[in-house]
Amino acid sequence: MSRLSQKQINVDLFNEVQRLKKEKQHDQEEIQRLTKENEELKLKVEEQAESIRDFEFENGNLEDEVEELQGRIEALEGDAE
């Protein structure tokens, strides 16, 4: 087995540090991208939740109107008898 010289060890270590720095930079960029995507998805979910609340409110109003109309129909049918 050949022994590595101190110079070769230093070169190898330097190269490994450079590789790890690039990997770290890439990972940080990926974290930033995913964080941004996560925030965008959170906003979409909040918007959809708001839309659902609006639809539920409108549905409640429509159900009230239906009940009122059914009451009128029943009253008219009672008058017609």
PDB file of N, CA and C in Angstrom:
ATOM      1  N   MET A   1       0.847  -1.176   0.000  1.00  0.00           N
ATOM      2  CA  MET A   1       0.000   0.000   0.000  1.00  0.00           C
ATOM      3  C   MET A   1       0.886   1.231   0.000  1.00  0.00           C
ATOM      4  N   SER A   2       0.462   2.168  -0.791  1.00  0.00           N
ATOM      5  CA  SER A   2       1.252   3.395  -0.842  1.00  0.00           C
ATOM      6  C   SER A   2       0.714   4.389   0.174  1.00  0.00           C
ATOM      7  N   ARG A   3       1.620   5.113   0.733  1.00  0.00           N
ATOM      8  CA  ARG A   3       1.236   6.152   1.681  1.00  0.00           C
ATOM      9  C   ARG A   3       1.022   7.445   0.929  1.00  0.00           C
ATOM     10  N   LEU A   4       0.024   8.183   1.347  1.00  0.00           N
ATOM     11  CA  LEU A   4      -0.233   9.478   0.726  1.00  0.00           C
ATOM     12  C   LEU A   4       0.696  10.508   1.341  1.00  0.00           C
ATOM     13  N   SER A   5       1.144  11.381   0.500  1.00  0.00           N
ATOM     14  CA  SER A   5       1.990  12.467   1.011  1.00  0.00           C
ATOM     15  C   SER A   5       1.107  13.495   1.709  1.00  0.00           C
ATOM     16  N   GLN A   6       1.722  14.312   2.534  1.00  0.00           N
ATOM     17  CA  GLN A   6       0.966  15.352   3.227  1.00  0.00           C
ATOM     18  C   GLN A   6       0.308  16.286   2.222  1.00  0.00           C
ATOM     19  N   LYS A   7       0.995  16.555   1.140  1.00  0.00           N
ATOM     20  CA  LYS A   7       0.436  17.427   0.099  1.00  0.00           C
ATOM     21  C   LYS A   7      -0.829  16.809  -0.505  1.00  0.00           C
ATOM     22  N   GLN A   8      -0.771  15.513  -0.803  1.00  0.00           N
ATOM     23  CA  GLN A   8      -1.937  14.844  -1.390  1.00  0.00           C
ATOM     24  C   GLN A   8      -3.089  14.800  -0.386  1.00  0.00           C
ATOM     25  N   ILE A   9      -2.758  14.576   0.884  1.00  0.00           N
ATOM     26  CA  ILE A   9      -3.798  14.585   1.917  1.00  0.00           C
ATOM     27  C   ILE A   9      -4.462  15.950   1.971  1.00  0.00           C
ATOM     28  N   ASN A  10      -3.669  17.007   1.934  1.00  0.00           N
ATOM     29  CA  ASN A  10      -4.213  18.367   1.973  1.00  0.00           C
ATOM     30  C   ASN A  10      -5.084  18.655   0.749  1.00  0.00           C
ATOM     31  N   VAL A  11      -4.652  18.205  -0.406  1.00  0.00           N
ATOM     32  CA  VAL A  11      -5.426  18.405  -1.637  1.00  0.00           C
ATOM     33  C   VAL A  11      -6.754  17.658  -1.532  1.00  0.00           C
ATOM     34  N   ASP A  12      -6.687  16.427  -1.063  1.00  0.00           N
ATOM     35  CA  ASP A  12      -7.908  15.639  -0.911  1.00  0.00           C
ATOM     36  C   ASP A  12      -8.871  16.287   0.087  1.00  0.00           C
ATOM     37  N   LEU A  13      -8.341  16.754   1.181  1.00  0.00           N
ATOM     38  CA  LEU A  13      -9.177  17.431   2.181  1.00  0.00           C
ATOM     39  C   LEU A  13      -9.784  18.707   1.622  1.00  0.00           C
ATOM     40  N   PHE A  14      -9.002  19.474   0.895  1.00  0.00           N
ATOM     41  CA  PHE A  14      -9.498  20.704   0.290  1.00  0.00           C
ATOM     42  C   PHE A  14     -10.638  20.384  -0.681  1.00  0.00           C
ATOM     43  N   ASN A  15     -10.417  19.375  -1.505  1.00  0.00           N
ATOM     44  CA  ASN A  15     -11.446  18.987  -2.477  1.00  0.00           C
ATOM     45  C   ASN A  15     -12.721  18.536  -1.775  1.00  0.00           C
ATOM     46  N   GLU A  16     -12.566  17.792  -0.684  1.00  0.00           N
ATOM     47  CA  GLU A  16     -13.742  17.340   0.053  1.00  0.00           C
ATOM     48  C   GLU A  16     -14.482  18.514   0.672  1.00  0.00           C
ATOM     49  N   VAL A  17     -13.755  19.474   1.218  1.00  0.00           N
ATOM     50  CA  VAL A  17     -14.386  20.665   1.788  1.00  0.00           C
ATOM     51  C   VAL A  17     -15.142  21.422   0.707  1.00  0.00           C
ATOM     52  N   GLN A  18     -14.560  21.561  -0.459  1.00  0.00           N
ATOM     53  CA  GLN A  18     -15.226  22.255  -1.562  1.00  0.00           C
ATOM     54  C   GLN A  18     -16.494  21.506  -1.984  1.00  0.00           C
ATOM     55  N   ARG A  19     -16.399  20.196  -2.043  1.00  0.00           N
ATOM     56  CA  ARG A  19     -17.567  19.389  -2.407  1.00  0.00           C
ATOM     57  C   ARG A  19     -18.681  19.565  -1.380  1.00  0.00           C
ATOM     58  N   LEU A  20     -18.307  19.547  -0.104  1.00  0.00           N
ATOM     59  CA  LEU A  20     -19.301  19.705   0.955  1.00  0.00           C
ATOM     60  C   LEU A  20     -19.917  21.104   0.947  1.00  0.00           C
ATOM     61  N   LYS A  21     -19.127  22.110   0.640  1.00  0.00           N
ATOM     62  CA  LYS A  21     -19.666  23.475   0.543  1.00  0.00           C
ATOM     63  C   LYS A  21     -20.694  23.572  -0.579  1.00  0.00           C
ATOM     64  N   LYS A  22     -20.398  22.963  -1.727  1.00  0.00           N
ATOM     65  CA  LYS A  22     -21.351  22.971  -2.838  1.00  0.00           C
ATOM     66  C   LYS A  22     -22.622  22.221  -2.452  1.00  0.00           C
ATOM     67  N   GLU A  23     -22.448  21.099  -1.787  1.00  0.00           N
ATOM     68  CA  GLU A  23     -23.606  20.312  -1.349  1.00  0.00           C
ATOM     69  C   GLU A  23     -24.445  21.114  -0.350  1.00  0.00           C
ATOM     70  N   LYS A  24     -23.792  21.796   0.558  1.00  0.00           N
ATOM     71  CA  LYS A  24     -24.499  22.625   1.535  1.00  0.00           C
ATOM     72  C   LYS A  24     -25.276  23.732   0.824  1.00  0.00           C
ATOM     73  N   GLN A  25     -24.637  24.405  -0.139  1.00  0.00           N
ATOM     74  CA  GLN A  25     -25.293  25.471  -0.893  1.00  0.00           C
ATOM     75  C   GLN A  25     -26.522  24.928  -1.619  1.00  0.00           C
ATOM     76  N   HIS A  26     -26.366  23.787  -2.242  1.00  0.00           N
ATOM     77  CA  HIS A  26     -27.486  23.172  -2.951  1.00  0.00           C
ATOM     78  C   HIS A  26     -28.620  22.860  -1.978  1.00  0.00           C
ATOM     79  N   ASP A  27     -28.282  22.301  -0.828  1.00  0.00           N
ATOM     80  CA  ASP A  27     -29.300  21.963   0.174  1.00  0.00           C
ATOM     81  C   ASP A  27     -30.017  23.215   0.681  1.00  0.00           C
ATOM     82  N   GLN A  28     -29.255  24.302   0.887  1.00  0.00           N
ATOM     83  CA  GLN A  28     -29.872  25.554   1.341  1.00  0.00           C
ATOM     84  C   GLN A  28     -30.825  26.110   0.293  1.00  0.00           C
ATOM     85  N   GLU A  29     -30.440  26.027  -0.964  1.00  0.00           N
ATOM     86  CA  GLU A  29     -31.313  26.487  -2.043  1.00  0.00           C
ATOM     87  C   GLU A  29     -32.586  25.636  -2.107  1.00  0.00           C
ATOM     88  N   GLU A  30     -32.428  24.343  -1.899  1.00  0.00           N
ATOM     89  CA  GLU A  30     -33.583  23.446  -1.914  1.00  0.00           C
ATOM     90  C   GLU A  30     -34.519  23.764  -0.749  1.00  0.00           C
ATOM     91  N   ILE A  31     -33.953  24.045   0.411  1.00  0.00           N
ATOM     92  CA  ILE A  31     -34.760  24.427   1.572  1.00  0.00           C
ATOM     93  C   ILE A  31     -35.530  25.707   1.277  1.00  0.00           C
ATOM     94  N   GLN A  32     -34.873  26.691   0.679  1.00  0.00           N
ATOM     95  CA  GLN A  32     -35.539  27.951   0.337  1.00  0.00           C
ATOM     96  C   GLN A  32     -36.668  27.706  -0.660  1.00  0.00           C
ATOM     97  N   ARG A  33     -36.423  26.869  -1.661  1.00  0.00           N
ATOM     98  CA  ARG A  33     -37.444  26.574  -2.667  1.00  0.00           C
ATOM     99  C   ARG A  33     -38.645  25.887  -2.008  1.00  0.00           C
ATOM    100  N   LEU A  34     -38.365  24.910  -1.172  1.00  0.00           N
ATOM    101  CA  LEU A  34     -39.452  24.186  -0.519  1.00  0.00           C
ATOM    102  C   LEU A  34     -40.208  25.066   0.466  1.00  0.00           C
ATOM    103  N   THR A  35     -39.501  25.952   1.148  1.00  0.00           N
ATOM    104  CA  THR A  35     -40.151  26.880   2.076  1.00  0.00           C
ATOM    105  C   THR A  35     -41.097  27.800   1.317  1.00  0.00           C
ATOM    106  N   LYS A  36     -40.633  28.315   0.188  1.00  0.00           N
ATOM    107  CA  LYS A  36     -41.481  29.187  -0.638  1.00  0.00           C
ATOM    108  C   LYS A  36     -42.702  28.419  -1.146  1.00  0.00           C
ATOM    109  N   GLU A  37     -42.479  27.210  -1.632  1.00  0.00           N
ATOM    110  CA  GLU A  37     -43.582  26.388  -2.126  1.00  0.00           C
ATOM    111  C   GLU A  37     -44.574  26.093  -1.002  1.00  0.00           C
ATOM    112  N   ASN A  38     -44.065  25.813   0.182  1.00  0.00           N
ATOM    113  CA  ASN A  38     -44.924  25.543   1.332  1.00  0.00           C
ATOM    114  C   ASN A  38     -45.781  26.764   1.669  1.00  0.00           C
ATOM    115  N   GLU A  39     -45.203  27.944   1.651  1.00  0.00           N
ATOM    116  CA  GLU A  39     -45.955  29.170   1.938  1.00  0.00           C
ATOM    117  C   GLU A  39     -47.047  29.393   0.892  1.00  0.00           C
ATOM    118  N   GLU A  40     -46.717  29.144  -0.374  1.00  0.00           N
ATOM    119  CA  GLU A  40     -47.709  29.305  -1.435  1.00  0.00           C
ATOM    120  C   GLU A  40     -48.870  28.316  -1.239  1.00  0.00           C
ATOM    121  N   LEU A  41     -48.536  27.095  -0.866  1.00  0.00           N
ATOM    122  CA  LEU A  41     -49.581  26.095  -0.638  1.00  0.00           C
ATOM    123  C   LEU A  41     -50.434  26.458   0.574  1.00  0.00           C
ATOM    124  N   LYS A  42     -49.816  27.002   1.611  1.00  0.00           N
ATOM    125  CA  LYS A  42     -50.575  27.437   2.787  1.00  0.00           C
ATOM    126  C   LYS A  42     -51.578  28.523   2.396  1.00  0.00           C
ATOM    127  N   LEU A  43     -51.139  29.465   1.565  1.00  0.00           N
ATOM    128  CA  LEU A  43     -52.040  30.526   1.112  1.00  0.00           C
ATOM    129  C   LEU A  43     -53.213  29.952   0.324  1.00  0.00           C
ATOM    130  N   LYS A  44     -52.931  28.986  -0.546  1.00  0.00           N
ATOM    131  CA  LYS A  44     -54.008  28.359  -1.321  1.00  0.00           C
ATOM    132  C   LYS A  44     -54.999  27.662  -0.397  1.00  0.00           C
ATOM    133  N   VAL A  45     -54.488  26.970   0.609  1.00  0.00           N
ATOM    134  CA  VAL A  45     -55.364  26.267   1.546  1.00  0.00           C
ATOM    135  C   VAL A  45     -56.228  27.273   2.299  1.00  0.00           C
ATOM    136  N   GLU A  46     -55.624  28.385   2.736  1.00  0.00           N
ATOM    137  CA  GLU A  46     -56.390  29.413   3.443  1.00  0.00           C
ATOM    138  C   GLU A  46     -57.474  30.002   2.549  1.00  0.00           C
ATOM    139  N   GLU A  47     -57.132  30.242   1.276  1.00  0.00           N
ATOM    140  CA  GLU A  47     -58.125  30.773   0.335  1.00  0.00           C
ATOM    141  C   GLU A  47     -59.261  29.778   0.137  1.00  0.00           C
ATOM    142  N   GLN A  48     -58.925  28.503   0.014  1.00  0.00           N
ATOM    143  CA  GLN A  48     -59.960  27.489  -0.175  1.00  0.00           C
ATOM    144  C   GLN A  48     -60.833  27.372   1.071  1.00  0.00           C
ATOM    145  N   ALA A  49     -60.212  27.471   2.246  1.00  0.00           N
ATOM    146  CA  ALA A  49     -60.990  27.404   3.486  1.00  0.00           C
ATOM    147  C   ALA A  49     -61.958  28.576   3.561  1.00  0.00           C
ATOM    148  N   GLU A  50     -61.503  29.753   3.135  1.00  0.00           N
ATOM    149  CA  GLU A  50     -62.372  30.930   3.131  1.00  0.00           C
ATOM    150  C   GLU A  50     -63.529  30.738   2.148  1.00  0.00           C
ATOM    151  N   SER A  51     -63.230  30.182   0.981  1.00  0.00           N
ATOM    152  CA  SER A  51     -64.285  29.909   0.002  1.00  0.00           C
ATOM    153  C   SER A  51     -65.301  28.923   0.557  1.00  0.00           C
ATOM    154  N   ILE A  52     -64.815  27.916   1.241  1.00  0.00           N
ATOM    155  CA  ILE A  52     -65.722  26.924   1.837  1.00  0.00           C
ATOM    156  C   ILE A  52     -66.622  27.582   2.872  1.00  0.00           C
ATOM    157  N   ARG A  53     -66.028  28.449   3.708  1.00  0.00           N
ATOM    158  CA  ARG A  53     -66.856  29.157   4.703  1.00  0.00           C
ATOM    159  C   ARG A  53     -67.915  30.014   4.015  1.00  0.00           C
ATOM    160  N   ASP A  54     -67.532  30.694   2.937  1.00  0.00           N
ATOM    161  CA  ASP A  54     -68.492  31.511   2.188  1.00  0.00           C
ATOM    162  C   ASP A  54     -69.616  30.652   1.617  1.00  0.00           C
ATOM    163  N   PHE A  55     -69.255  29.494   1.020  1.00  0.00           N
ATOM    164  CA  PHE A  55     -70.270  28.599   0.460  1.00  0.00           C
ATOM    165  C   PHE A  55     -71.174  28.053   1.555  1.00  0.00           C
ATOM    166  N   GLU A  56     -70.609  27.708   2.698  1.00  0.00           N
ATOM    167  CA  GLU A  56     -71.429  27.195   3.800  1.00  0.00           C
ATOM    168  C   GLU A  56     -72.404  28.262   4.287  1.00  0.00           C
ATOM    169  N   PHE A  57     -71.940  29.508   4.369  1.00  0.00           N
ATOM    170  CA  PHE A  57     -72.811  30.600   4.778  1.00  0.00           C
ATOM    171  C   PHE A  57     -73.946  30.778   3.774  1.00  0.00           C
ATOM    172  N   GLU A  58     -73.592  30.805   2.492  1.00  0.00           N
ATOM    173  CA  GLU A  58     -74.607  30.966   1.434  1.00  0.00           C
ATOM    174  C   GLU A  58     -75.570  29.786   1.434  1.00  0.00           C
ATOM    175  N   ASN A  59     -75.038  28.587   1.653  1.00  0.00           N
ATOM    176  CA  ASN A  59     -75.894  27.396   1.717  1.00  0.00           C
ATOM    177  C   ASN A  59     -76.880  27.520   2.878  1.00  0.00           C
ATOM    178  N   GLY A  60     -76.406  28.017   4.010  1.00  0.00           N
ATOM    179  CA  GLY A  60     -77.297  28.222   5.148  1.00  0.00           C
ATOM    180  C   GLY A  60     -78.412  29.195   4.807  1.00  0.00           C
ATOM    181  N   ASN A  61     -78.052  30.274   4.113  1.00  0.00           N
ATOM    182  CA  ASN A  61     -79.075  31.248   3.697  1.00  0.00           C
ATOM    183  C   ASN A  61     -80.093  30.613   2.754  1.00  0.00           C
ATOM    184  N   LEU A  62     -79.605  29.809   1.821  1.00  0.00           N
ATOM    185  CA  LEU A  62     -80.511  29.150   0.875  1.00  0.00           C
ATOM    186  C   LEU A  62     -81.415  28.150   1.596  1.00  0.00           C
ATOM    187  N   GLU A  63     -80.864  27.439   2.560  1.00  0.00           N
ATOM    188  CA  GLU A  63     -81.697  26.503   3.323  1.00  0.00           C
ATOM    189  C   GLU A  63     -82.792  27.249   4.076  1.00  0.00           C
ATOM    190  N   ASP A  64     -82.460  28.421   4.625  1.00  0.00           N
ATOM    191  CA  ASP A  64     -83.474  29.232   5.304  1.00  0.00           C
ATOM    192  C   ASP A  64     -84.576  29.650   4.329  1.00  0.00           C
ATOM    193  N   GLU A  65     -84.163  30.062   3.128  1.00  0.00           N
ATOM    194  CA  GLU A  65     -85.147  30.466   2.121  1.00  0.00           C
ATOM    195  C   GLU A  65     -86.040  29.289   1.726  1.00  0.00           C
ATOM    196  N   VAL A  66     -85.442  28.113   1.559  1.00  0.00           N
ATOM    197  CA  VAL A  66     -86.215  26.922   1.195  1.00  0.00           C
ATOM    198  C   VAL A  66     -87.241  26.626   2.285  1.00  0.00           C
ATOM    199  N   GLU A  67     -86.811  26.683   3.549  1.00  0.00           N
ATOM    200  CA  GLU A  67     -87.743  26.424   4.651  1.00  0.00           C
ATOM    201  C   GLU A  67     -88.879  27.446   4.655  1.00  0.00           C
ATOM    202  N   GLU A  68     -88.541  28.697   4.388  1.00  0.00           N
ATOM    203  CA  GLU A  68     -89.571  29.743   4.344  1.00  0.00           C
ATOM    204  C   GLU A  68     -90.555  29.481   3.217  1.00  0.00           C
ATOM    205  N   LEU A  69     -90.045  29.121   2.047  1.00  0.00           N
ATOM    206  CA  LEU A  69     -90.918  28.830   0.908  1.00  0.00           C
ATOM    207  C   LEU A  69     -91.772  27.590   1.165  1.00  0.00           C
ATOM    208  N   GLN A  70     -91.187  26.578   1.801  1.00  0.00           N
ATOM    209  CA  GLN A  70     -91.972  25.394   2.133  1.00  0.00           C
ATOM    210  C   GLN A  70     -93.095  25.743   3.105  1.00  0.00           C
ATOM    211  N   GLY A  71     -92.783  26.626   4.041  1.00  0.00           N
ATOM    212  CA  GLY A  71     -93.821  27.081   4.964  1.00  0.00           C
ATOM    213  C   GLY A  71     -94.933  27.797   4.242  1.00  0.00           C
ATOM    214  N   ARG A  72     -94.595  28.648   3.267  1.00  0.00           N
ATOM    215  CA  ARG A  72     -95.610  29.348   2.480  1.00  0.00           C
ATOM    216  C   ARG A  72     -96.465  28.375   1.684  1.00  0.00           C
ATOM    217  N   ILE A  73     -95.777  27.375   1.086  1.00  0.00           N
ATOM    218  CA  ILE A  73     -96.507  26.367   0.290  1.00  0.00           C
ATOM    219  C   ILE A  73     -97.503  25.632   1.174  1.00  0.00           C
ATOM    220  N   GLU A  74     -97.029  25.229   2.350  1.00  0.00           N
ATOM    221  CA  GLU A  74     -97.918  24.513   3.272  1.00  0.00           C
ATOM    222  C   GLU A  74     -99.100  25.403   3.689  1.00  0.00           C
ATOM    223  N   ALA A  75     -98.815  26.694   3.902  1.00  0.00           N
ATOM    224  CA  ALA A  75     -99.900  27.615   4.291  1.00  0.00           C
ATOM    225  C   ALA A  75    -100.882  27.758   3.123  1.00  0.00           C
ATOM    226  N   LEU A  76    -100.381  27.878   1.901  1.00  0.00           N
ATOM    227  CA  LEU A  76    -101.261  28.009   0.744  1.00  0.00           C
ATOM    228  C   LEU A  76    -102.066  26.742   0.532  1.00  0.00           C
ATOM    229  N   GLU A  77    -101.423  25.611   0.724  1.00  0.00           N
ATOM    230  CA  GLU A  77    -102.153  24.340   0.564  1.00  0.00           C
ATOM    231  C   GLU A  77    -103.247  24.244   1.644  1.00  0.00           C
ATOM    232  N   GLY A  78    -102.950  24.704   2.853  1.00  0.00           N
ATOM    233  CA  GLY A  78    -103.937  24.686   3.927  1.00  0.00           C
ATOM    234  C   GLY A  78    -105.106  25.604   3.603  1.00  0.00           C
ATOM    235  N   ASP A  79    -104.822  26.782   3.021  1.00  0.00           N
ATOM    236  CA  ASP A  79    -105.872  27.722   2.633  1.00  0.00           C
ATOM    237  C   ASP A  79    -106.721  27.154   1.502  1.00  0.00           C
ATOM    238  N   ALA A  80    -106.088  26.372   0.627  1.00  0.00           N
ATOM    239  CA  ALA A  80    -106.789  25.842  -0.537  1.00  0.00           C
ATOM    240  C   ALA A  80    -107.761  24.727  -0.149  1.00  0.00           C
ATOM    241  N   GLU A  81    -107.536  24.115   0.978  1.00  0.00           N
ATOM    242  CA  GLU A  81    -108.415  22.995   1.371  1.00  0.00           C
ATOM    243  C   GLU A  81    -109.701  23.441   1.891  1.00  0.00           C
TER     244      GLU A  81
END
